[in-house]
All heavy atoms as atom14 arrays in JSON, in Angstrom:
{
  "sequence": "SNETIAGIPGQWQRFGPYIGTIPGRLGGMAYGVCHDFGEGGLFEYVCG",
  "atom14_mask": [
    [1, 1, 1, 1, 1, 1, 0, 0, 0, 0, 0, 0, 0, 0],
    [1, 1, 1, 1, 1, 1, 1, 1, 0, 0, 0, 0, 0, 0],
    [1, 1, 1, 1, 1, 1, 1, 1, 1, 0, 0, 0, 0, 0],
    [1, 1, 1, 1, 1, 1, 1, 0, 0, 0, 0, 0, 0, 0],
    [1, 1, 1, 1, 1, 1, 1, 1, 0, 0, 0, 0, 0, 0],
    [1, 1, 1, 1, 1, 0, 0, 0, 0, 0, 0, 0, 0, 0],
    [1, 1, 1, 1, 0, 0, 0, 0, 0, 0, 0, 0, 0, 0],
    [1, 1, 1, 1, 1, 1, 1, 1, 0, 0, 0, 0, 0, 0],
    [1, 1, 1, 1, 1, 1, 1, 0, 0, 0, 0, 0, 0, 0],
    [1, 1, 1, 1, 0, 0, 0, 0, 0, 0, 0, 0, 0, 0],
    [1, 1, 1, 1, 1, 1, 1, 1, 1, 0, 0, 0, 0, 0],
    [1, 1, 1, 1, 1, 1, 1, 1, 1, 1, 1, 1, 1, 1],
    [1, 1, 1, 1, 1, 1, 1, 1, 1, 0, 0, 0, 0, 0],
    [1, 1, 1, 1, 1, 1, 1, 1, 1, 1, 1, 0, 0, 0],
    [1, 1, 1, 1, 1, 1, 1, 1, 1, 1, 1, 0, 0, 0],
    [1, 1, 1, 1, 0, 0, 0, 0, 0, 0, 0, 0, 0, 0],
    [1, 1, 1, 1, 1, 1, 1, 0, 0, 0, 0, 0, 0, 0],
    [1, 1, 1, 1, 1, 1, 1, 1, 1, 1, 1, 1, 0, 0],
    [1, 1, 1, 1, 1, 1, 1, 1, 0, 0, 0, 0, 0, 0],
    [1, 1, 1, 1, 0, 0, 0, 0, 0, 0, 0, 0, 0, 0],
    [1, 1, 1, 1, 1, 1, 1, 0, 0, 0, 0, 0, 0, 0],
    [1, 1, 1, 1, 1, 1, 1, 1, 0, 0, 0, 0, 0, 0],
    [1, 1, 1, 1, 1, 1, 1, 0, 0, 0, 0, 0, 0, 0],
    [1, 1, 1, 1, 0, 0, 0, 0, 0, 0, 0, 0, 0, 0],
    [1, 1, 1, 1, 1, 1, 1, 1, 1, 1, 1, 0, 0, 0],
    [1, 1, 1, 1, 1, 1, 1, 1, 0, 0, 0, 0, 0, 0],
    [1, 1, 1, 1, 0, 0, 0, 0, 0, 0, 0, 0, 0, 0],
    [1, 1, 1, 1, 0, 0, 0, 0, 0, 0, 0, 0, 0, 0],
    [1, 1, 1, 1, 1, 1, 1, 1, 0, 0, 0, 0, 0, 0],
    [1, 1, 1, 1, 1, 0, 0, 0, 0, 0, 0, 0, 0, 0],
    [1, 1, 1, 1, 1, 1, 1, 1, 1, 1, 1, 1, 0, 0],
    [1, 1, 1, 1, 0, 0, 0, 0, 0, 0, 0, 0, 0, 0],
    [1, 1, 1, 1, 1, 1, 1, 0, 0, 0, 0, 0, 0, 0],
    [1, 1, 1, 1, 1, 1, 0, 0, 0, 0, 0, 0, 0, 0],
    [1, 1, 1, 1, 1, 1, 1, 1, 1, 1, 0, 0, 0, 0],
    [1, 1, 1, 1, 1, 1, 1, 1, 0, 0, 0, 0, 0, 0],
    [1, 1, 1, 1, 1, 1, 1, 1, 1, 1, 1, 0, 0, 0],
    [1, 1, 1, 1, 0, 0, 0, 0, 0, 0, 0, 0, 0, 0],
    [1, 1, 1, 1, 1, 1, 1, 1, 1, 0, 0, 0, 0, 0],
    [1, 1, 1, 1, 0, 0, 0, 0, 0, 0, 0, 0, 0, 0],
    [1, 1, 1, 1, 0, 0, 0, 0, 0, 0, 0, 0, 0, 0],
    [1, 1, 1, 1, 1, 1, 1, 1, 0, 0, 0, 0, 0, 0],
    [1, 1, 1, 1, 1, 1, 1, 1, 1, 1, 1, 0, 0, 0],
    [1, 1, 1, 1, 1, 1, 1, 1, 1, 0, 0, 0, 0, 0],
    [1, 1, 1, 1, 1, 1, 1, 1, 1, 1, 1, 1, 0, 0],
    [1, 1, 1, 1, 1, 1, 1, 0, 0, 0, 0, 0, 0, 0],
    [1, 1, 1, 1, 1, 1, 0, 0, 0, 0, 0, 0, 0, 0],
    [1, 1, 1, 1, 0, 0, 0, 0, 0, 0, 0, 0, 0, 0]
  ],
  "atom14_positions": [
    [[-39.0, -37.34, 60.94], [-39.93, -37.28, 62.07], [-40.9, -36.14, 61.75], [-40.71, -35.4, 60.78], [-39.18, -36.98, 63.38], [-38.69, -35.64, 63.36], [0.0, 0.0, 0.0], [0.0, 0.0, 0.0], [0.0, 0.0, 0.0], [0.0, 0.0, 0.0], [0.0, 0.0, 0.0], [0.0, 0.0, 0.0], [0.0, 0.0, 0.0], [0.0, 0.0, 0.0]],
    [[-41.91, -35.99, 62.57], [-42.84, -34.88, 62.35], [-42.13, -33.54, 62.43], [-42.57, -32.57, 61.82], [-43.99, -34.96, 63.36], [-44.91, -36.12, 63.07], [-45.07, -36.55, 61.94], [-45.51, -36.66, 64.12], [0.0, 0.0, 0.0], [0.0, 0.0, 0.0], [0.0, 0.0, 0.0], [0.0, 0.0, 0.0], [0.0, 0.0, 0.0], [0.0, 0.0, 0.0]],
    [[-41.02, -33.48, 63.16], [-40.28, -32.24, 63.3], [-39.35, -31.96, 62.12], [-38.9, -30.83, 61.94], [-39.45, -32.25, 64.6], [-40.28, -32.19, 65.87], [-40.95, -33.52, 66.2], [-40.36, -34.59, 65.92], [-42.08, -33.49, 66.72], [0.0, 0.0, 0.0], [0.0, 0.0, 0.0], [0.0, 0.0, 0.0], [0.0, 0.0, 0.0], [0.0, 0.0, 0.0]],
    [[-39.03, -32.96, 61.32], [-38.06, -32.77, 60.23], [-38.66, -32.88, 58.84], [-37.92, -32.8, 57.85], [-36.9, -33.79, 60.37], [-37.42, -35.12, 60.24], [-36.16, -33.62, 61.67], [0.0, 0.0, 0.0], [0.0, 0.0, 0.0], [0.0, 0.0, 0.0], [0.0, 0.0, 0.0], [0.0, 0.0, 0.0], [0.0, 0.0, 0.0], [0.0, 0.0, 0.0]],
    [[-39.98, -33.03, 58.72], [-40.59, -33.23, 57.4], [-40.42, -32.03, 56.46], [-40.62, -32.17, 55.26], [-42.08, -33.62, 57.48], [-42.9, -32.55, 58.18], [-42.25, -34.97, 58.11], [-44.39, -32.8, 58.15], [0.0, 0.0, 0.0], [0.0, 0.0, 0.0], [0.0, 0.0, 0.0], [0.0, 0.0, 0.0], [0.0, 0.0, 0.0], [0.0, 0.0, 0.0]],
    [[-40.0, -30.9, 56.97], [-39.75, -29.75, 56.11], [-38.62, -30.05, 55.11], [-38.45, -29.33, 54.13], [-39.4, -28.52, 56.94], [0.0, 0.0, 0.0], [0.0, 0.0, 0.0], [0.0, 0.0, 0.0], [0.0, 0.0, 0.0], [0.0, 0.0, 0.0], [0.0, 0.0, 0.0], [0.0, 0.0, 0.0], [0.0, 0.0, 0.0], [0.0, 0.0, 0.0]],
    [[-37.87, -31.13, 55.33], [-36.8, -31.51, 54.41], [-37.26, -32.22, 53.16], [-36.48, -32.44, 52.24], [0.0, 0.0, 0.0], [0.0, 0.0, 0.0], [0.0, 0.0, 0.0], [0.0, 0.0, 0.0], [0.0, 0.0, 0.0], [0.0, 0.0, 0.0], [0.0, 0.0, 0.0], [0.0, 0.0, 0.0], [0.0, 0.0, 0.0], [0.0, 0.0, 0.0]],
    [[-38.53, -32.58, 53.09], [-39.02, -33.35, 51.93], [-38.9, -32.59, 50.61], [-38.45, -33.17, 49.61], [-40.45, -33.87, 52.18], [-40.41, -34.95, 53.28], [-41.09, -34.4, 50.9], [-41.76, -35.48, 53.71], [0.0, 0.0, 0.0], [0.0, 0.0, 0.0], [0.0, 0.0, 0.0], [0.0, 0.0, 0.0], [0.0, 0.0, 0.0], [0.0, 0.0, 0.0]],
    [[-39.23, -31.29, 50.52], [-39.03, -30.61, 49.23], [-37.58, -30.66, 48.74], [-37.34, -30.85, 47.54], [-39.49, -29.17, 49.52], [-40.48, -29.32, 50.63], [-39.93, -30.43, 51.48], [0.0, 0.0, 0.0], [0.0, 0.0, 0.0], [0.0, 0.0, 0.0], [0.0, 0.0, 0.0], [0.0, 0.0, 0.0], [0.0, 0.0, 0.0], [0.0, 0.0, 0.0]],
    [[-36.62, -30.52, 49.64], [-35.21, -30.63, 49.25], [-34.86, -32.02, 48.75], [-34.04, -32.18, 47.85], [0.0, 0.0, 0.0], [0.0, 0.0, 0.0], [0.0, 0.0, 0.0], [0.0, 0.0, 0.0], [0.0, 0.0, 0.0], [0.0, 0.0, 0.0], [0.0, 0.0, 0.0], [0.0, 0.0, 0.0], [0.0, 0.0, 0.0], [0.0, 0.0, 0.0]],
    [[-35.49, -33.03, 49.35], [-35.27, -34.4, 48.9], [-35.75, -34.55, 47.45], [-35.07, -35.17, 46.63], [-36.02, -35.37, 49.82], [-35.85, -36.82, 49.46], [-36.66, -37.73, 50.38], [-37.25, -37.3, 51.38], [-36.69, -39.01, 50.04], [0.0, 0.0, 0.0], [0.0, 0.0, 0.0], [0.0, 0.0, 0.0], [0.0, 0.0, 0.0], [0.0, 0.0, 0.0]],
    [[-36.9, -33.97, 47.14], [-37.41, -34.01, 45.76], [-36.45, -33.28, 44.81], [-36.21, -33.74, 43.69], [-38.81, -33.41, 45.67], [-39.88, -34.38, 46.03], [-40.56, -34.46, 47.2], [-40.39, -35.43, 45.2], [-41.46, -35.5, 47.16], [-41.39, -36.1, 45.93], [-40.11, -35.86, 43.91], [-42.09, -37.18, 45.42], [-40.82, -36.93, 43.39], [-41.8, -37.59, 44.15]],
    [[-35.89, -32.16, 45.25], [-34.93, -31.44, 44.39], [-33.7, -32.29, 44.11], [-33.2, -32.33, 42.99], [-34.53, -30.12, 45.04], [-35.64, -29.09, 45.0], [-35.25, -27.81, 45.71], [-34.36, -27.77, 46.55], [-35.93, -26.73, 45.36], [0.0, 0.0, 0.0], [0.0, 0.0, 0.0], [0.0, 0.0, 0.0], [0.0, 0.0, 0.0], [0.0, 0.0, 0.0]],
    [[-33.23, -33.01, 45.13], [-32.07, -33.89, 44.93], [-32.4, -35.07, 44.01], [-31.54, -35.58, 43.3], [-31.54, -34.4, 46.27], [-30.89, -33.33, 47.12], [-30.18, -33.87, 48.35], [-31.0, -34.71, 49.2], [-31.87, -34.28, 50.12], [-32.06, -32.98, 50.29], [-32.56, -35.13, 50.86], [0.0, 0.0, 0.0], [0.0, 0.0, 0.0], [0.0, 0.0, 0.0]],
    [[-33.66, -35.51, 44.05], [-34.08, -36.65, 43.22], [-34.29, -36.25, 41.76], [-34.11, -37.08, 40.87], [-35.37, -37.25, 43.79], [-35.91, -38.38, 42.98], [-35.2, -39.56, 42.8], [-37.15, -38.27, 42.35], [-35.7, -40.6, 42.03], [-37.66, -39.31, 41.59], [-36.93, -40.47, 41.43], [0.0, 0.0, 0.0], [0.0, 0.0, 0.0], [0.0, 0.0, 0.0]],
    [[-34.65, -35.01, 41.49], [-34.99, -34.55, 40.15], [-34.05, -35.01, 39.04], [-34.52, -35.52, 38.01], [0.0, 0.0, 0.0], [0.0, 0.0, 0.0], [0.0, 0.0, 0.0], [0.0, 0.0, 0.0], [0.0, 0.0, 0.0], [0.0, 0.0, 0.0], [0.0, 0.0, 0.0], [0.0, 0.0, 0.0], [0.0, 0.0, 0.0], [0.0, 0.0, 0.0]],
    [[-32.74, -34.88, 39.19], [-31.83, -35.29, 38.1], [-31.88, -36.78, 37.77], [-31.48, -37.2, 36.69], [-30.44, -34.91, 38.64], [-30.71, -33.84, 39.65], [-32.02, -34.18, 40.26], [0.0, 0.0, 0.0], [0.0, 0.0, 0.0], [0.0, 0.0, 0.0], [0.0, 0.0, 0.0], [0.0, 0.0, 0.0], [0.0, 0.0, 0.0], [0.0, 0.0, 0.0]],
    [[-32.37, -37.61, 38.68], [-32.42, -39.06, 38.45], [-33.65, -39.5, 37.65], [-33.66, -40.57, 37.07], [-32.44, -39.82, 39.78], [-31.18, -39.7, 40.58], [-31.1, -38.8, 41.64], [-30.06, -40.48, 40.28], [-29.93, -38.69, 42.39], [-28.9, -40.36, 41.03], [-28.84, -39.47, 42.07], [-27.7, -39.37, 42.81], [0.0, 0.0, 0.0], [0.0, 0.0, 0.0]],
    [[-34.7, -38.69, 37.68], [-36.0, -39.14, 37.16], [-35.91, -39.73, 35.75], [-36.45, -40.79, 35.48], [-37.05, -38.02, 37.24], [-37.42, -37.79, 38.71], [-38.3, -38.36, 36.42], [-38.43, -36.69, 38.95], [0.0, 0.0, 0.0], [0.0, 0.0, 0.0], [0.0, 0.0, 0.0], [0.0, 0.0, 0.0], [0.0, 0.0, 0.0], [0.0, 0.0, 0.0]],
    [[-35.24, -39.07, 34.85], [-35.17, -39.55, 33.47], [-34.16, -40.66, 33.23], [-34.06, -41.17, 32.11], [0.0, 0.0, 0.0], [0.0, 0.0, 0.0], [0.0, 0.0, 0.0], [0.0, 0.0, 0.0], [0.0, 0.0, 0.0], [0.0, 0.0, 0.0], [0.0, 0.0, 0.0], [0.0, 0.0, 0.0], [0.0, 0.0, 0.0], [0.0, 0.0, 0.0]],
    [[-33.42, -41.06, 34.25], [-32.34, -42.04, 34.04], [-32.56, -43.36, 34.76], [-31.71, -44.24, 34.66], [-31.0, -41.44, 34.53], [-31.07, -41.25, 35.95], [-30.69, -40.12, 33.85], [0.0, 0.0, 0.0], [0.0, 0.0, 0.0], [0.0, 0.0, 0.0], [0.0, 0.0, 0.0], [0.0, 0.0, 0.0], [0.0, 0.0, 0.0], [0.0, 0.0, 0.0]],
    [[-33.66, -43.53, 35.45], [-33.88, -44.75, 36.23], [-34.26, -45.9, 35.3], [-35.23, -45.79, 34.54], [-34.95, -44.51, 37.31], [-34.44, -43.47, 38.3], [-35.31, -45.81, 38.02], [-35.42, -43.06, 39.35], [0.0, 0.0, 0.0], [0.0, 0.0, 0.0], [0.0, 0.0, 0.0], [0.0, 0.0, 0.0], [0.0, 0.0, 0.0], [0.0, 0.0, 0.0]],
    [[-33.51, -47.01, 35.35], [-33.8, -48.14, 34.46], [-35.14, -48.79, 34.81], [-35.51, -48.91, 35.98], [-32.63, -49.1, 34.71], [-32.03, -48.7, 36.0], [-32.35, -47.25, 36.21], [0.0, 0.0, 0.0], [0.0, 0.0, 0.0], [0.0, 0.0, 0.0], [0.0, 0.0, 0.0], [0.0, 0.0, 0.0], [0.0, 0.0, 0.0], [0.0, 0.0, 0.0]],
    [[-35.87, -49.19, 33.76], [-37.13, -49.92, 33.94], [-38.28, -49.06, 34.42], [-39.27, -49.59, 34.94], [0.0, 0.0, 0.0], [0.0, 0.0, 0.0], [0.0, 0.0, 0.0], [0.0, 0.0, 0.0], [0.0, 0.0, 0.0], [0.0, 0.0, 0.0], [0.0, 0.0, 0.0], [0.0, 0.0, 0.0], [0.0, 0.0, 0.0], [0.0, 0.0, 0.0]],
    [[-38.22, -47.76, 34.21], [-39.3, -46.87, 34.67], [-40.6, -47.22, 33.95], [-40.63, -47.49, 32.75], [-38.94, -45.42, 34.4], [-40.02, -44.48, 34.91], [-39.66, -43.04, 34.81], [-40.75, -42.23, 35.34], [-40.8, -40.94, 35.26], [-39.82, -40.28, 34.69], [-41.83, -40.27, 35.76], [0.0, 0.0, 0.0], [0.0, 0.0, 0.0], [0.0, 0.0, 0.0]],
    [[-41.68, -47.19, 34.74], [-43.02, -47.47, 34.21], [-43.88, -46.21, 34.31], [-44.03, -45.66, 35.4], [-43.69, -48.59, 35.01], [-42.97, -49.94, 35.03], [-43.65, -50.88, 36.02], [-42.95, -50.55, 33.63], [0.0, 0.0, 0.0], [0.0, 0.0, 0.0], [0.0, 0.0, 0.0], [0.0, 0.0, 0.0], [0.0, 0.0, 0.0], [0.0, 0.0, 0.0]],
    [[-44.42, -45.75, 33.2], [-45.32, -44.6, 33.22], [-44.62, -43.29, 33.52], [-43.4, -43.23, 33.68], [0.0, 0.0, 0.0], [0.0, 0.0, 0.0], [0.0, 0.0, 0.0], [0.0, 0.0, 0.0], [0.0, 0.0, 0.0], [0.0, 0.0, 0.0], [0.0, 0.0, 0.0], [0.0, 0.0, 0.0], [0.0, 0.0, 0.0], [0.0, 0.0, 0.0]],
    [[-45.42, -42.24, 33.62], [-44.87, -40.91, 33.81], [-45.16, -40.31, 35.17], [-44.91, -39.13, 35.38], [0.0, 0.0, 0.0], [0.0, 0.0, 0.0], [0.0, 0.0, 0.0], [0.0, 0.0, 0.0], [0.0, 0.0, 0.0], [0.0, 0.0, 0.0], [0.0, 0.0, 0.0], [0.0, 0.0, 0.0], [0.0, 0.0, 0.0], [0.0, 0.0, 0.0]],
    [[-45.69, -41.09, 36.09], [-46.01, -40.56, 37.41], [-44.83, -40.65, 38.35], [-43.92, -41.45, 38.14], [-47.2, -41.32, 38.0], [-48.46, -41.1, 37.22], [-49.87, -41.72, 38.12], [-51.07, -41.76, 36.82], [0.0, 0.0, 0.0], [0.0, 0.0, 0.0], [0.0, 0.0, 0.0], [0.0, 0.0, 0.0], [0.0, 0.0, 0.0], [0.0, 0.0, 0.0]],
    [[-44.87, -39.82, 39.4], [-43.88, -39.89, 40.48], [-44.65, -40.15, 41.77], [-45.85, -39.87, 41.87], [-43.09, -38.59, 40.56], [0.0, 0.0, 0.0], [0.0, 0.0, 0.0], [0.0, 0.0, 0.0], [0.0, 0.0, 0.0], [0.0, 0.0, 0.0], [0.0, 0.0, 0.0], [0.0, 0.0, 0.0], [0.0, 0.0, 0.0], [0.0, 0.0, 0.0]],
    [[-43.94, -40.68, 42.77], [-44.57, -41.09, 44.03], [-43.75, -40.6, 45.21], [-42.52, -40.62, 45.16], [-44.67, -42.62, 44.1], [-45.53, -43.21, 43.04], [-45.03, -43.44, 41.75], [-46.86, -43.54, 43.3], [-45.84, -43.99, 40.76], [-47.66, -44.09, 42.31], [-47.15, -44.3, 41.05], [-47.95, -44.83, 40.06], [0.0, 0.0, 0.0], [0.0, 0.0, 0.0]],
    [[-44.44, -40.24, 46.27], [-43.83, -39.96, 47.56], [-44.4, -40.97, 48.54], [-45.56, -40.84, 48.94], [0.0, 0.0, 0.0], [0.0, 0.0, 0.0], [0.0, 0.0, 0.0], [0.0, 0.0, 0.0], [0.0, 0.0, 0.0], [0.0, 0.0, 0.0], [0.0, 0.0, 0.0], [0.0, 0.0, 0.0], [0.0, 0.0, 0.0], [0.0, 0.0, 0.0]],
    [[-43.63, -42.0, 48.89], [-44.13, -43.12, 49.69], [-43.67, -42.98, 51.15], [-42.47, -42.85, 51.41], [-43.64, -44.47, 49.13], [-44.19, -45.63, 49.96], [-44.03, -44.62, 47.67], [0.0, 0.0, 0.0], [0.0, 0.0, 0.0], [0.0, 0.0, 0.0], [0.0, 0.0, 0.0], [0.0, 0.0, 0.0], [0.0, 0.0, 0.0], [0.0, 0.0, 0.0]],
    [[-44.64, -43.02, 52.07], [-44.35, -43.04, 53.51], [-44.53, -44.47, 54.0], [-45.57, -45.08, 53.76], [-45.32, -42.14, 54.26], [-45.25, -40.4, 53.79], [0.0, 0.0, 0.0], [0.0, 0.0, 0.0], [0.0, 0.0, 0.0], [0.0, 0.0, 0.0], [0.0, 0.0, 0.0], [0.0, 0.0, 0.0], [0.0, 0.0, 0.0], [0.0, 0.0, 0.0]],
    [[-43.5, -45.0, 54.67], [-43.57, -46.38, 55.16], [-42.6, -46.55, 56.31], [-41.92, -45.62, 56.72], [-43.28, -47.38, 54.03], [-41.86, -47.37, 53.6], [-41.0, -48.4, 53.89], [-41.13, -46.47, 52.92], [-39.81, -48.13, 53.39], [-39.85, -46.95, 52.8], [0.0, 0.0, 0.0], [0.0, 0.0, 0.0], [0.0, 0.0, 0.0], [0.0, 0.0, 0.0]],
    [[-42.52, -47.76, 56.84], [-41.62, -48.1, 57.93], [-41.78, -47.13, 59.1], [-40.84, -46.48, 59.54], [-40.17, -48.14, 57.43], [-39.23, -48.8, 58.44], [-39.72, -49.53, 59.33], [-38.01, -48.56, 58.34], [0.0, 0.0, 0.0], [0.0, 0.0, 0.0], [0.0, 0.0, 0.0], [0.0, 0.0, 0.0], [0.0, 0.0, 0.0], [0.0, 0.0, 0.0]],
    [[-43.02, -47.05, 59.58], [-43.35, -46.14, 60.67], [-42.8, -46.67, 61.98], [-42.84, -47.86, 62.26], [-44.87, -45.99, 60.77], [-45.48, -45.44, 59.5], [-45.99, -46.29, 58.53], [-45.49, -44.08, 59.26], [-46.53, -45.79, 57.35], [-46.03, -43.58, 58.09], [-46.55, -44.43, 57.13], [0.0, 0.0, 0.0], [0.0, 0.0, 0.0], [0.0, 0.0, 0.0]],
    [[-42.24, -45.77, 62.79], [-41.63, -46.18, 64.04], [-42.07, -45.32, 65.21], [-42.94, -44.46, 65.09], [0.0, 0.0, 0.0], [0.0, 0.0, 0.0], [0.0, 0.0, 0.0], [0.0, 0.0, 0.0], [0.0, 0.0, 0.0], [0.0, 0.0, 0.0], [0.0, 0.0, 0.0], [0.0, 0.0, 0.0], [0.0, 0.0, 0.0], [0.0, 0.0, 0.0]],
    [[-41.42, -45.57, 66.34], [-41.7, -44.83, 67.57], [-41.47, -43.33, 67.36], [-40.6, -42.92, 66.6], [-40.77, -45.32, 68.69], [-40.96, -46.77, 69.06], [-42.23, -47.02, 69.85], [-42.63, -46.15, 70.64], [-42.83, -48.09, 69.65], [0.0, 0.0, 0.0], [0.0, 0.0, 0.0], [0.0, 0.0, 0.0], [0.0, 0.0, 0.0], [0.0, 0.0, 0.0]],
    [[-42.27, -42.54, 68.05], [-42.07, -41.09, 68.04], [-42.36, -40.41, 66.72], [-41.84, -39.33, 66.45], [0.0, 0.0, 0.0], [0.0, 0.0, 0.0], [0.0, 0.0, 0.0], [0.0, 0.0, 0.0], [0.0, 0.0, 0.0], [0.0, 0.0, 0.0], [0.0, 0.0, 0.0], [0.0, 0.0, 0.0], [0.0, 0.0, 0.0], [0.0, 0.0, 0.0]],
    [[-43.17, -41.03, 65.87], [-43.53, -40.41, 64.59], [-42.49, -40.55, 63.5], [-42.58, -39.87, 62.48], [0.0, 0.0, 0.0], [0.0, 0.0, 0.0], [0.0, 0.0, 0.0], [0.0, 0.0, 0.0], [0.0, 0.0, 0.0], [0.0, 0.0, 0.0], [0.0, 0.0, 0.0], [0.0, 0.0, 0.0], [0.0, 0.0, 0.0], [0.0, 0.0, 0.0]],
    [[-41.5, -41.41, 63.68], [-40.5, -41.6, 62.64], [-41.07, -42.41, 61.47], [-41.9, -43.3, 61.67], [-39.28, -42.34, 63.2], [-38.47, -41.6, 64.25], [-37.38, -42.52, 64.8], [-37.86, -40.34, 63.66], [0.0, 0.0, 0.0], [0.0, 0.0, 0.0], [0.0, 0.0, 0.0], [0.0, 0.0, 0.0], [0.0, 0.0, 0.0], [0.0, 0.0, 0.0]],
    [[-40.62, -42.09, 60.26], [-41.04, -42.83, 59.07], [-40.02, -42.63, 57.96], [-39.25, -41.67, 57.98], [-42.43, -42.38, 58.6], [-42.49, -40.95, 58.13], [-42.4, -40.64, 56.77], [-42.65, -39.91, 59.03], [-42.44, -39.32, 56.34], [-42.71, -38.59, 58.61], [-42.6, -38.29, 57.25], [0.0, 0.0, 0.0], [0.0, 0.0, 0.0], [0.0, 0.0, 0.0]],
    [[-40.03, -43.55, 57.01], [-39.21, -43.43, 55.81], [-40.05, -42.78, 54.72], [-41.23, -43.09, 54.57], [-38.78, -44.82, 55.3], [-37.93, -45.6, 56.24], [-36.44, -45.35, 56.06], [-36.02, -45.0, 54.96], [-35.72, -45.52, 57.06], [0.0, 0.0, 0.0], [0.0, 0.0, 0.0], [0.0, 0.0, 0.0], [0.0, 0.0, 0.0], [0.0, 0.0, 0.0]],
    [[-39.41, -41.89, 53.97], [-40.07, -41.26, 52.82], [-39.2, -41.53, 51.6], [-38.0, -41.23, 51.61], [-40.24, -39.76, 53.04], [-41.01, -39.06, 51.95], [-42.4, -39.01, 51.99], [-40.36, -38.45, 50.89], [-43.12, -38.36, 50.99], [-41.07, -37.81, 49.88], [-42.45, -37.76, 49.94], [-43.16, -37.12, 48.95], [0.0, 0.0, 0.0], [0.0, 0.0, 0.0]],
    [[-39.8, -42.13, 50.59], [-39.1, -42.4, 49.34], [-39.77, -41.58, 48.26], [-40.97, -41.74, 47.99], [-39.14, -43.89, 48.95], [-38.48, -44.12, 47.6], [-38.45, -44.73, 50.02], [0.0, 0.0, 0.0], [0.0, 0.0, 0.0], [0.0, 0.0, 0.0], [0.0, 0.0, 0.0], [0.0, 0.0, 0.0], [0.0, 0.0, 0.0], [0.0, 0.0, 0.0]],
    [[-39.03, -40.65, 47.66], [-39.55, -39.96, 46.48], [-38.99, -40.71, 45.29], [-37.78, -40.96, 45.2], [-39.2, -38.48, 46.47], [-37.46, -38.07, 46.62], [0.0, 0.0, 0.0], [0.0, 0.0, 0.0], [0.0, 0.0, 0.0], [0.0, 0.0, 0.0], [0.0, 0.0, 0.0], [0.0, 0.0, 0.0], [0.0, 0.0, 0.0], [0.0, 0.0, 0.0]],
    [[-39.88, -41.15, 44.4], [-39.41, -42.0, 43.32], [-40.41, -42.18, 42.21], [-41.41, -41.46, 42.12], [0.0, 0.0, 0.0], [0.0, 0.0, 0.0], [0.0, 0.0, 0.0], [0.0, 0.0, 0.0], [0.0, 0.0, 0.0], [0.0, 0.0, 0.0], [0.0, 0.0, 0.0], [0.0, 0.0, 0.0], [0.0, 0.0, 0.0], [0.0, 0.0, 0.0]]
  ]
}
């Protein structure tokens, strides 16, 4: 939510060890995708 987005940097830290091991990776870029927006400012964030 807008109140909990401060957790995103920690999410990236947790994702870091996976970056080099994901099967079928394309290119060298990383993405932070916001989607599935809901009531009250809720949304899904995928770092990948």
